[in-house]
C-alpha atoms as a PDB file:
ATOM      1  CA  UNK A   1     -53.643  14.561  20.446  1.00  0.00           C
ATOM      2  CA  UNK A   2     -51.668  12.835  17.755  1.00  0.00           C
ATOM      3  CA  UNK A   3     -48.795  15.233  18.372  1.00  0.00           C
ATOM      4  CA  UNK A   4     -48.846  14.360  22.049  1.00  0.00           C
ATOM      5  CA  UNK A   5     -48.692  10.631  21.276  1.00  0.00           C
ATOM      6  CA  UNK A   6     -45.835  10.970  18.830  1.00  0.00           C
ATOM      7  CA  UNK A   7     -43.608  13.218  20.946  1.00  0.00           C
ATOM      8  CA  UNK A   8     -42.207  10.482  23.223  1.00  0.00           C
ATOM      9  CA  UNK A   9     -41.323   8.387  20.188  1.00  0.00           C
ATOM     10  CA  UNK A  10     -39.713  11.357  18.485  1.00  0.00           C
ATOM     11  CA  UNK A  11     -37.665  12.095  21.594  1.00  0.00           C
ATOM     12  CA  UNK A  12     -36.412   8.511  21.804  1.00  0.00           C
ATOM     13  CA  UNK A  13     -35.432   8.566  18.159  1.00  0.00           C
ATOM     14  CA  UNK A  14     -33.801  11.975  18.370  1.00  0.00           C
ATOM     15  CA  UNK A  15     -31.666  11.056  21.388  1.00  0.00           C
ATOM     16  CA  UNK A  16     -28.738   8.881  20.199  1.00  0.00           C
ATOM     17  CA  UNK A  17     -27.731   5.981  22.452  1.00  0.00           C
ATOM     18  CA  UNK A  18     -24.537   6.286  24.440  1.00  0.00           C
ATOM     19  CA  UNK A  19     -21.643   4.750  22.548  1.00  0.00           C
ATOM     20  CA  UNK A  20     -20.700   1.295  23.796  1.00  0.00           C
ATOM     21  CA  UNK A  21     -17.201   0.936  25.093  1.00  0.00           C
ATOM     22  CA  UNK A  22     -15.579  -1.520  22.721  1.00  0.00           C
ATOM     23  CA  UNK A  23     -12.500  -3.600  23.397  1.00  0.00           C
ATOM     24  CA  UNK A  24     -10.254  -1.288  21.396  1.00  0.00           C
ATOM     25  CA  UNK A  25     -11.745   1.751  23.081  1.00  0.00           C
ATOM     26  CA  UNK A  26     -10.726   0.388  26.470  1.00  0.00           C
ATOM     27  CA  UNK A  27      -7.423  -0.918  25.102  1.00  0.00           C
ATOM     28  CA  UNK A  28      -6.312   2.506  23.890  1.00  0.00           C
ATOM     29  CA  UNK A  29      -6.899   3.868  27.397  1.00  0.00           C
ATOM     30  CA  UNK A  30      -4.821   1.117  29.011  1.00  0.00           C
ATOM     31  CA  UNK A  31      -1.280   2.416  29.317  1.00  0.00           C
ATOM     32  CA  UNK A  32       0.304  -0.993  29.897  1.00  0.00           C
ATOM     33  CA  UNK A  33      -1.358  -2.447  26.806  1.00  0.00           C
ATOM     34  CA  UNK A  34      -0.452   0.547  24.630  1.00  0.00           C
ATOM     35  CA  UNK A  35       3.187   0.647  25.745  1.00  0.00           C
ATOM     36  CA  UNK A  36       3.597  -3.123  25.524  1.00  0.00           C
ATOM     37  CA  UNK A  37       1.957  -3.219  22.101  1.00  0.00           C
ATOM     38  CA  UNK A  38       4.194  -0.407  20.837  1.00  0.00           C
ATOM     39  CA  UNK A  39       7.386  -2.129  22.018  1.00  0.00           C
ATOM     40  CA  UNK A  40       6.256  -5.490  20.623  1.00  0.00           C
ATOM     41  CA  UNK A  41       5.349  -3.915  17.279  1.00  0.00           C
ATOM     42  CA  UNK A  42       8.781  -2.270  17.189  1.00  0.00           C
ATOM     43  CA  UNK A  43      10.472  -5.669  17.506  1.00  0.00           C
ATOM     44  CA  UNK A  44       8.168  -7.264  14.928  1.00  0.00           C
ATOM     45  CA  UNK A  45       8.655  -4.343  12.530  1.00  0.00           C
ATOM     46  CA  UNK A  46      12.435  -4.695  12.893  1.00  0.00           C
ATOM     47  CA  UNK A  47      12.225  -8.388  12.027  1.00  0.00           C
ATOM     48  CA  UNK A  48      10.001  -7.721   8.995  1.00  0.00           C
ATOM     49  CA  UNK A  49      12.242  -4.889   7.836  1.00  0.00           C
ATOM     50  CA  UNK A  50      15.273  -7.193   7.925  1.00  0.00           C
ATOM     51  CA  UNK A  51      13.581  -9.437   5.350  1.00  0.00           C
ATOM     52  CA  UNK A  52      13.790  -6.726   2.708  1.00  0.00           C
ATOM     53  CA  UNK A  53      16.461  -4.271   3.875  1.00  0.00           C
ATOM     54  CA  UNK A  54      19.427  -3.858   6.198  1.00  0.00           C
ATOM     55  CA  UNK A  55      22.004  -1.027   6.053  1.00  0.00           C
ATOM     56  CA  UNK A  56      24.766  -3.563   5.438  1.00  0.00           C
ATOM     57  CA  UNK A  57      24.894  -7.302   4.973  1.00  0.00           C
ATOM     58  CA  UNK A  58      24.767  -8.955   8.431  1.00  0.00           C
ATOM     59  CA  UNK A  59      26.864 -11.820   7.064  1.00  0.00           C
ATOM     60  CA  UNK A  60      29.710  -9.788   5.530  1.00  0.00           C
ATOM     61  CA  UNK A  61      32.954  -9.707   7.540  1.00  0.00           C
ATOM     62  CA  UNK A  62      35.251  -6.717   7.116  1.00  0.00           C
ATOM     63  CA  UNK A  63      38.191  -6.973   9.517  1.00  0.00           C
ATOM     64  CA  UNK A  64      39.580  -3.636   8.316  1.00  0.00           C
ATOM     65  CA  UNK A  65      36.430  -1.915   9.649  1.00  0.00           C
ATOM     66  CA  UNK A  66      36.218  -3.694  13.011  1.00  0.00           C
ATOM     67  CA  UNK A  67      35.249  -1.800  16.178  1.00  0.00           C
ATOM     68  CA  UNK A  68      34.349   1.365  14.305  1.00  0.00           C
ATOM     69  CA  UNK A  69      32.520   4.003  16.422  1.00  0.00           C
ATOM     70  CA  UNK A  70      29.030   5.201  15.441  1.00  0.00           C
ATOM     71  CA  UNK A  71      29.072   7.208  12.243  1.00  0.00           C
ATOM     72  CA  UNK A  72      26.929   8.139   9.262  1.00  0.00           C
ATOM     73  CA  UNK A  73      27.938   4.910   7.546  1.00  0.00           C
ATOM     74  CA  UNK A  74      27.492   2.675  10.609  1.00  0.00           C
ATOM     75  CA  UNK A  75      24.874   4.182  12.898  1.00  0.00           C
ATOM     76  CA  UNK A  76      25.857   2.096  15.958  1.00  0.00           C
ATOM     77  CA  UNK A  77      29.351   1.190  14.828  1.00  0.00           C
ATOM     78  CA  UNK A  78      30.760  -2.227  13.967  1.00  0.00           C
ATOM     79  CA  UNK A  79      31.645  -5.339  15.960  1.00  0.00           C
ATOM     80  CA  UNK A  80      34.932  -7.194  16.275  1.00  0.00           C
ATOM     81  CA  UNK A  81      34.417  -8.748  12.826  1.00  0.00           C
ATOM     82  CA  UNK A  82      33.573  -5.467  11.103  1.00  0.00           C
ATOM     83  CA  UNK A  83      29.864  -6.252  10.801  1.00  0.00           C
ATOM     84  CA  UNK A  84      27.332  -3.440  11.090  1.00  0.00           C
ATOM     85  CA  UNK A  85      25.609  -3.476  14.509  1.00  0.00           C
ATOM     86  CA  UNK A  86      22.258  -2.165  13.226  1.00  0.00           C
ATOM     87  CA  UNK A  87      22.137  -4.870  10.561  1.00  0.00           C
ATOM     88  CA  UNK A  88      22.932  -7.544  13.158  1.00  0.00           C
ATOM     89  CA  UNK A  89      20.188  -6.278  15.480  1.00  0.00           C
ATOM     90  CA  UNK A  90      17.594  -6.279  12.699  1.00  0.00           C
ATOM     91  CA  UNK A  91      18.514  -9.767  11.497  1.00  0.00           C
ATOM     92  CA  UNK A  92      18.773 -10.988  15.099  1.00  0.00           C
ATOM     93  CA  UNK A  93      15.181  -9.882  15.730  1.00  0.00           C
ATOM     94  CA  UNK A  94      14.093 -12.097  12.852  1.00  0.00           C
ATOM     95  CA  UNK A  95      15.818 -15.153  14.329  1.00  0.00           C
ATOM     96  CA  UNK A  96      14.507 -14.460  17.825  1.00  0.00           C
ATOM     97  CA  UNK A  97      10.883 -14.029  16.730  1.00  0.00           C
ATOM     98  CA  UNK A  98      11.013 -17.094  14.487  1.00  0.00           C
ATOM     99  CA  UNK A  99      12.280 -19.304  17.307  1.00  0.00           C
ATOM    100  CA  UNK A 100       9.781 -17.809  19.756  1.00  0.00           C
ATOM    101  CA  UNK A 101       6.742 -18.239  17.503  1.00  0.00           C
ATOM    102  CA  UNK A 102       7.489 -21.863  16.595  1.00  0.00           C
ATOM    103  CA  UNK A 103       8.458 -22.839  20.155  1.00  0.00           C
ATOM    104  CA  UNK A 104       5.349 -21.254  21.687  1.00  0.00           C
ATOM    105  CA  UNK A 105       3.200 -22.877  18.988  1.00  0.00           C
ATOM    106  CA  UNK A 106       4.628 -26.268  19.943  1.00  0.00           C
ATOM    107  CA  UNK A 107       3.959 -25.603  23.611  1.00  0.00           C
ATOM    108  CA  UNK A 108       0.410 -24.388  22.960  1.00  0.00           C
ATOM    109  CA  UNK A 109      -0.467 -27.261  20.643  1.00  0.00           C
ATOM    110  CA  UNK A 110       0.636 -30.066  22.961  1.00  0.00           C
ATOM    111  CA  UNK A 111       0.037 -28.291  26.266  1.00  0.00           C
ATOM    112  CA  UNK A 112      -3.521 -27.143  25.525  1.00  0.00           C
ATOM    113  CA  UNK A 113      -4.555 -30.450  23.944  1.00  0.00           C
ATOM    114  CA  UNK A 114      -3.192 -32.544  26.822  1.00  0.00           C
ATOM    115  CA  UNK A 115      -4.623 -30.161  29.416  1.00  0.00           C
ATOM    116  CA  UNK A 116      -8.089 -30.329  27.850  1.00  0.00           C
ATOM    117  CA  UNK A 117      -7.924 -34.127  27.645  1.00  0.00           C
ATOM    118  CA  UNK A 118      -6.866 -34.370  31.292  1.00  0.00           C
ATOM    119  CA  UNK A 119      -9.748 -32.141  32.360  1.00  0.00           C
ATOM    120  CA  UNK A 120     -12.346 -33.924  30.236  1.00  0.00           C
ATOM    121  CA  UNK A 121     -11.374 -37.540  30.860  1.00  0.00           C
ATOM    122  CA  UNK A 122     -10.224 -37.463  34.509  1.00  0.00           C
ATOM    123  CA  UNK A 123      -9.247 -40.739  36.196  1.00  0.00           C
ATOM    124  CA  UNK A 124      -6.156 -42.561  34.961  1.00  0.00           C
ATOM    125  CA  UNK A 125      -5.941 -40.412  31.840  1.00  0.00           C
ATOM    126  CA  UNK A 126      -5.593 -37.272  33.924  1.00  0.00           C
ATOM    127  CA  UNK A 127      -3.117 -38.942  36.261  1.00  0.00           C
ATOM    128  CA  UNK A 128      -0.856 -40.105  33.417  1.00  0.00           C
ATOM    129  CA  UNK A 129      -0.891 -36.687  31.726  1.00  0.00           C
ATOM    130  CA  UNK A 130      -0.096 -34.830  34.957  1.00  0.00           C
ATOM    131  CA  UNK A 131       2.732 -37.213  35.843  1.00  0.00           C
ATOM    132  CA  UNK A 132       4.109 -36.664  32.346  1.00  0.00           C
ATOM    133  CA  UNK A 133       3.930 -32.935  33.047  1.00  0.00           C
ATOM    134  CA  UNK A 134       5.841 -33.390  36.306  1.00  0.00           C
ATOM    135  CA  UNK A 135       8.475 -35.460  34.502  1.00  0.00           C
ATOM    136  CA  UNK A 136       8.903 -32.807  31.789  1.00  0.00           C
ATOM    137  CA  UNK A 137       9.450 -30.144  34.462  1.00  0.00           C
ATOM    138  CA  UNK A 138      12.740 -31.887  35.290  1.00  0.00           C
ATOM    139  CA  UNK A 139      14.146 -30.914  31.874  1.00  0.00           C
ATOM    140  CA  UNK A 140      14.559 -27.144  31.523  1.00  0.00           C
ATOM    141  CA  UNK A 141      15.342 -25.637  28.134  1.00  0.00           C
ATOM    142  CA  UNK A 142      19.105 -25.569  28.659  1.00  0.00           C
ATOM    143  CA  UNK A 143      19.289 -29.217  29.756  1.00  0.00           C
ATOM    144  CA  UNK A 144      17.034 -30.315  26.897  1.00  0.00           C
ATOM    145  CA  UNK A 145      19.177 -28.354  24.427  1.00  0.00           C
ATOM    146  CA  UNK A 146      22.351 -29.992  25.742  1.00  0.00           C
ATOM    147  CA  UNK A 147      20.862 -33.463  25.293  1.00  0.00           C
ATOM    148  CA  UNK A 148      19.528 -32.665  21.828  1.00  0.00           C
ATOM    149  CA  UNK A 149      22.812 -31.055  20.790  1.00  0.00           C
ATOM    150  CA  UNK A 150      24.645 -34.224  21.801  1.00  0.00           C
ATOM    151  CA  UNK A 151      22.434 -36.222  19.434  1.00  0.00           C
ATOM    152  CA  UNK A 152      21.644 -33.860  16.536  1.00  0.00           C
ATOM    153  CA  UNK A 153      24.127 -31.029  17.053  1.00  0.00           C
ATOM    154  CA  UNK A 154      23.488 -27.428  18.093  1.00  0.00           C
ATOM    155  CA  UNK A 155      21.366 -25.135  15.950  1.00  0.00           C
ATOM    156  CA  UNK A 156      18.117 -23.236  15.630  1.00  0.00           C
ATOM    157  CA  UNK A 157      16.034 -26.416  15.356  1.00  0.00           C
ATOM    158  CA  UNK A 158      17.592 -27.712  18.574  1.00  0.00           C
ATOM    159  CA  UNK A 159      16.697 -24.533  20.445  1.00  0.00           C
ATOM    160  CA  UNK A 160      13.143 -24.553  19.051  1.00  0.00           C
ATOM    161  CA  UNK A 161      12.517 -28.133  20.190  1.00  0.00           C
ATOM    162  CA  UNK A 162      14.124 -27.556  23.591  1.00  0.00           C
ATOM    163  CA  UNK A 163      12.150 -24.374  24.279  1.00  0.00           C
ATOM    164  CA  UNK A 164       8.939 -25.959  22.983  1.00  0.00           C
ATOM    165  CA  UNK A 165       9.338 -28.930  25.353  1.00  0.00           C
ATOM    166  CA  UNK A 166      10.004 -26.505  28.204  1.00  0.00           C
ATOM    167  CA  UNK A 167       6.700 -24.719  27.458  1.00  0.00           C
ATOM    168  CA  UNK A 168       4.472 -27.807  27.482  1.00  0.00           C
ATOM    169  CA  UNK A 169       4.119 -28.617  31.223  1.00  0.00           C
ATOM    170  CA  UNK A 170       3.275 -25.036  32.180  1.00  0.00           C
ATOM    171  CA  UNK A 171       0.514 -24.891  29.586  1.00  0.00           C
ATOM    172  CA  UNK A 172      -0.803 -28.335  30.558  1.00  0.00           C
ATOM    173  CA  UNK A 173      -1.254 -27.241  34.162  1.00  0.00           C
ATOM    174  CA  UNK A 174      -2.781 -23.887  33.241  1.00  0.00           C
ATOM    175  CA  UNK A 175      -5.219 -25.433  30.746  1.00  0.00           C
ATOM    176  CA  UNK A 176      -6.273 -28.220  33.089  1.00  0.00           C
ATOM    177  CA  UNK A 177      -6.847 -25.884  36.036  1.00  0.00           C
ATOM    178  CA  UNK A 178      -8.830 -23.376  33.963  1.00  0.00           C
ATOM    179  CA  UNK A 179     -10.855 -26.101  32.241  1.00  0.00           C
ATOM    180  CA  UNK A 180     -11.725 -27.793  35.554  1.00  0.00           C
ATOM    181  CA  UNK A 181     -13.299 -24.534  36.737  1.00  0.00           C
ATOM    182  CA  UNK A 182     -15.439 -24.399  33.575  1.00  0.00           C
ATOM    183  CA  UNK A 183     -16.518 -28.036  33.860  1.00  0.00           C
ATOM    184  CA  UNK A 184     -18.085 -27.216  37.237  1.00  0.00           C
ATOM    185  CA  UNK A 185     -20.249 -24.399  35.804  1.00  0.00           C
ATOM    186  CA  UNK A 186     -24.016 -24.763  35.449  1.00  0.00           C
ATOM    187  CA  UNK A 187     -24.130 -24.337  31.669  1.00  0.00           C
ATOM    188  CA  UNK A 188     -21.690 -27.241  31.239  1.00  0.00           C
ATOM    189  CA  UNK A 189     -23.799 -29.415  33.539  1.00  0.00           C
ATOM    190  CA  UNK A 190     -26.822 -28.482  31.439  1.00  0.00           C
ATOM    191  CA  UNK A 191     -24.943 -29.428  28.263  1.00  0.00           C
ATOM    192  CA  UNK A 192     -24.066 -32.817  29.742  1.00  0.00           C
ATOM    193  CA  UNK A 193     -27.676 -33.348  30.782  1.00  0.00           C
ATOM    194  CA  UNK A 194     -28.788 -32.625  27.204  1.00  0.00           C
ATOM    195  CA  UNK A 195     -26.654 -35.510  25.974  1.00  0.00           C
ATOM    196  CA  UNK A 196     -23.575 -33.739  24.621  1.00  0.00           C
ATOM    197  CA  UNK A 197     -20.354 -35.731  24.780  1.00  0.00           C
ATOM    198  CA  UNK A 198     -17.106 -34.671  26.462  1.00  0.00           C
ATOM    199  CA  UNK A 199     -15.408 -33.774  23.170  1.00  0.00           C
ATOM    200  CA  UNK A 200     -18.270 -31.574  21.984  1.00  0.00           C
ATOM    201  CA  UNK A 201     -18.534 -29.830  25.355  1.00  0.00           C
ATOM    202  CA  UNK A 202     -14.796 -29.193  25.344  1.00  0.00           C
ATOM    203  CA  UNK A 203     -14.867 -27.615  21.878  1.00  0.00           C
ATOM    204  CA  UNK A 204     -18.127 -25.667  22.221  1.00  0.00           C
ATOM    205  CA  UNK A 205     -18.037 -24.574  25.863  1.00  0.00           C
ATOM    206  CA  UNK A 206     -14.741 -25.169  27.677  1.00  0.00           C
ATOM    207  CA  UNK A 207     -12.181 -23.978  25.128  1.00  0.00           C
ATOM    208  CA  UNK A 208     -13.954 -20.689  24.222  1.00  0.00           C
ATOM    209  CA  UNK A 209     -14.225 -19.777  27.916  1.00  0.00           C
ATOM    210  CA  UNK A 210     -10.518 -20.300  28.639  1.00  0.00           C
ATOM    211  CA  UNK A 211      -9.256 -18.823  25.374  1.00  0.00           C
ATOM    212  CA  UNK A 212      -8.583 -15.393  26.896  1.00  0.00           C
ATOM    213  CA  UNK A 213      -6.438 -16.977  29.621  1.00  0.00           C
ATOM    214  CA  UNK A 214      -4.445 -18.891  27.019  1.00  0.00           C
ATOM    215  CA  UNK A 215      -3.887 -15.751  24.912  1.00  0.00           C
ATOM    216  CA  UNK A 216      -2.482 -13.885  27.911  1.00  0.00           C
ATOM    217  CA  UNK A 217      -0.271 -16.825  28.874  1.00  0.00           C
ATOM    218  CA  UNK A 218       0.992 -17.115  25.287  1.00  0.00           C
ATOM    219  CA  UNK A 219       2.425 -13.595  25.453  1.00  0.00           C
ATOM    220  CA  UNK A 220       4.208 -14.442  28.708  1.00  0.00           C
ATOM    221  CA  UNK A 221       5.541 -17.701  27.269  1.00  0.00           C
ATOM    222  CA  UNK A 222       6.734 -15.784  24.213  1.00  0.00           C
ATOM    223  CA  UNK A 223       8.796 -13.501  26.457  1.00  0.00           C
ATOM    224  CA  UNK A 224      10.268 -16.541  28.224  1.00  0.00           C
ATOM    225  CA  UNK A 225      11.056 -18.107  24.850  1.00  0.00           C
ATOM    226  CA  UNK A 226      13.001 -14.997  23.811  1.00  0.00           C
ATOM    227  CA  UNK A 227      15.065 -15.169  26.997  1.00  0.00           C
ATOM    228  CA  UNK A 228      15.652 -18.894  26.544  1.00  0.00           C
ATOM    229  CA  UNK A 229      16.695 -18.452  22.900  1.00  0.00           C
ATOM    230  CA  UNK A 230      19.154 -15.730  23.859  1.00  0.00           C
ATOM    231  CA  UNK A 231      20.601 -17.924  26.631  1.00  0.00           C
ATOM    232  CA  UNK A 232      20.981 -20.954  24.355  1.00  0.00           C
ATOM    233  CA  UNK A 233      22.595 -18.874  21.597  1.00  0.00           C
ATOM    234  CA  UNK A 234      24.936 -17.318  24.143  1.00  0.00           C
ATOM    235  CA  UNK A 235      25.996 -20.814  25.258  1.00  0.00           C
ATOM    236  CA  UNK A 236      26.506 -21.888  21.649  1.00  0.00           C
ATOM    237  CA  UNK A 237      23.578 -24.338  21.655  1.00  0.00           C
ATOM    238  CA  UNK A 238      21.096 -22.233  19.683  1.00  0.00           C
ATOM    239  CA  UNK A 239      21.420 -20.211  16.494  1.00  0.00           C
ATOM    240  CA  UNK A 240      24.778 -20.859  14.875  1.00  0.00           C
ATOM    241  CA  UNK A 241      27.035 -18.538  12.849  1.00  0.00           C
ATOM    242  CA  UNK A 242      26.744 -16.925  10.397  1.00  0.00           C
ATOM    243  CA  UNK A 243      23.049 -16.475  11.256  1.00  0.00           C
ATOM    244  CA  UNK A 244      22.801 -13.385  13.514  1.00  0.00           C
ATOM    245  CA  UNK A 245      21.222 -13.724  16.945  1.00  0.00           C
ATOM    246  CA  UNK A 246      21.041 -11.429  19.955  1.00  0.00           C
ATOM    247  CA  UNK A 247      22.458 -14.186  22.135  1.00  0.00           C
ATOM    248  CA  UNK A 248      25.344 -14.739  19.695  1.00  0.00           C
ATOM    249  CA  UNK A 249      26.039 -11.002  19.745  1.00  0.00           C
ATOM    250  CA  UNK A 250      26.348 -11.139  23.537  1.00  0.00           C
ATOM    251  CA  UNK A 251      28.671 -14.115  23.252  1.00  0.00           C
ATOM    252  CA  UNK A 252      30.884 -12.304  20.738  1.00  0.00           C
ATOM    253  CA  UNK A 253      30.886  -9.126  22.852  1.00  0.00           C
ATOM    254  CA  UNK A 254      32.094 -10.729  26.079  1.00  0.00           C
ATOM    255  CA  UNK A 255      35.726 -10.697  24.941  1.00  0.00           C
ATOM    256  CA  UNK A 256      35.473  -6.995  24.056  1.00  0.00           C
ATOM    257  CA  UNK A 257      33.885  -5.645  27.252  1.00  0.00           C
ATOM    258  CA  UNK A 258      36.856  -3.412  28.090  1.00  0.00           C
ATOM    259  CA  UNK A 259      37.584  -2.304  24.529  1.00  0.00           C
ATOM    260  CA  UNK A 260      33.995  -1.715  23.403  1.00  0.00           C
ATOM    261  CA  UNK A 261      31.389  -2.284  26.155  1.00  0.00           C
ATOM    262  CA  UNK A 262      28.551  -0.997  23.952  1.00  0.00           C
ATOM    263  CA  UNK A 263      28.765  -4.206  21.908  1.00  0.00           C
ATOM    264  CA  UNK A 264      27.070  -5.961  24.833  1.00  0.00           C
ATOM    265  CA  UNK A 265      24.691  -3.106  25.615  1.00  0.00           C
ATOM    266  CA  UNK A 266      22.956  -3.066  22.215  1.00  0.00           C
ATOM    267  CA  UNK A 267      21.790  -6.732  22.083  1.00  0.00           C
ATOM    268  CA  UNK A 268      21.074  -6.659  25.821  1.00  0.00           C
ATOM    269  CA  UNK A 269      18.834  -3.630  25.346  1.00  0.00           C
ATOM    270  CA  UNK A 270      17.087  -5.326  22.411  1.00  0.00           C
ATOM    271  CA  UNK A 271      16.325  -8.403  24.533  1.00  0.00           C
ATOM    272  CA  UNK A 272      15.109  -6.204  27.408  1.00  0.00           C
ATOM    273  CA  UNK A 273      12.810  -4.207  25.111  1.00  0.00           C
ATOM    274  CA  UNK A 274      11.296  -7.354  23.586  1.00  0.00           C
ATOM    275  CA  UNK A 275      10.702  -9.055  26.944  1.00  0.00           C
ATOM    276  CA  UNK A 276       9.386  -5.877  28.592  1.00  0.00           C
ATOM    277  CA  UNK A 277       7.023  -5.232  25.695  1.00  0.00           C
ATOM    278  CA  UNK A 278       5.550  -8.734  25.797  1.00  0.00           C
ATOM    279  CA  UNK A 279       5.168  -8.680  29.584  1.00  0.00           C
ATOM    280  CA  UNK A 280       3.382  -5.314  29.483  1.00  0.00           C
ATOM    281  CA  UNK A 281       1.223  -6.547  26.605  1.00  0.00           C
ATOM    282  CA  UNK A 282       0.279  -9.663  28.572  1.00  0.00           C
ATOM    283  CA  UNK A 283      -0.529  -7.601  31.650  1.00  0.00           C
ATOM    284  CA  UNK A 284      -2.744  -5.320  29.573  1.00  0.00           C
ATOM    285  CA  UNK A 285      -4.513  -8.230  27.887  1.00  0.00           C
ATOM    286  CA  UNK A 286      -5.178  -9.811  31.274  1.00  0.00           C
ATOM    287  CA  UNK A 287      -6.936  -6.653  32.462  1.00  0.00           C
ATOM    288  CA  UNK A 288      -8.882  -6.225  29.230  1.00  0.00           C
ATOM    289  CA  UNK A 289      -9.994  -9.822  28.659  1.00  0.00           C
ATOM    290  CA  UNK A 290     -10.839 -10.733  32.268  1.00  0.00           C
ATOM    291  CA  UNK A 291     -14.092  -8.958  33.224  1.00  0.00           C
ATOM    292  CA  UNK A 292     -13.159  -9.146  36.910  1.00  0.00           C
ATOM    293  CA  UNK A 293      -9.944  -7.232  36.287  1.00  0.00           C
ATOM    294  CA  UNK A 294     -11.147  -4.854  33.552  1.00  0.00           C
ATOM    295  CA  UNK A 295     -10.710  -1.261  34.614  1.00  0.00           C
ATOM    296  CA  UNK A 296     -12.231   1.882  33.193  1.00  0.00           C
ATOM    297  CA  UNK A 297      -9.509   3.885  31.488  1.00  0.00           C
END
């Protein structure tokens, strides 16, 4: 009889539970996330590699070696100043990522904070913040960079501030809209009924529930920041010589399109890979972090 009583328990112990599908388990089955992550890691690895090694100095000009074709010494050839293309691409990735990270951080810091305040306070506070957002929309990154360059001169700091300002209104609107949906949920109403203040509810309940949306949007804003940095550098408002930049490489290559068209192809391909990788990564994160969009892979 004792054996009969113990057999069900033994069977439950002997049968292992089915493995739970973790985030990384689903992520590795998501082709968009994997491809986007691989391309993004390639760009980041290039930037990190340039901190410790480049085939040649990206700042050294050698007119005698200008417009050299690809060879064992110069894997992608040289530009019109005799600089190694591979070295310029590696160092340009460092500049692009630095500008993108700082600019997106500025946009997230001010945009998320103002959006949360607008959602929590409502009334005149919300109205003032949203009208400020509408006003900021009238100043795209290029126009902001032109105004800042007129005051402080062109440079990397100018492009960072201009791109950061351009990011703020989008993140204000996204944060406010997402937070408003959370404020209407039952658990937030219960928290208010228990006596919690608006600030505590925002930190403990609202922000954690919109964090996944903000992470996805940050990857998209990062891709837009890369495009904006390249455009500003191409126009001469962003990163200045001798600091390499993909946008500066495009600017230098435009006078050599008929002699050496590949000079424009290499930085253009680098920009395309970085933007494509971040967009695919954002698309994958959206599917993985949003339970309504999560798919079995």
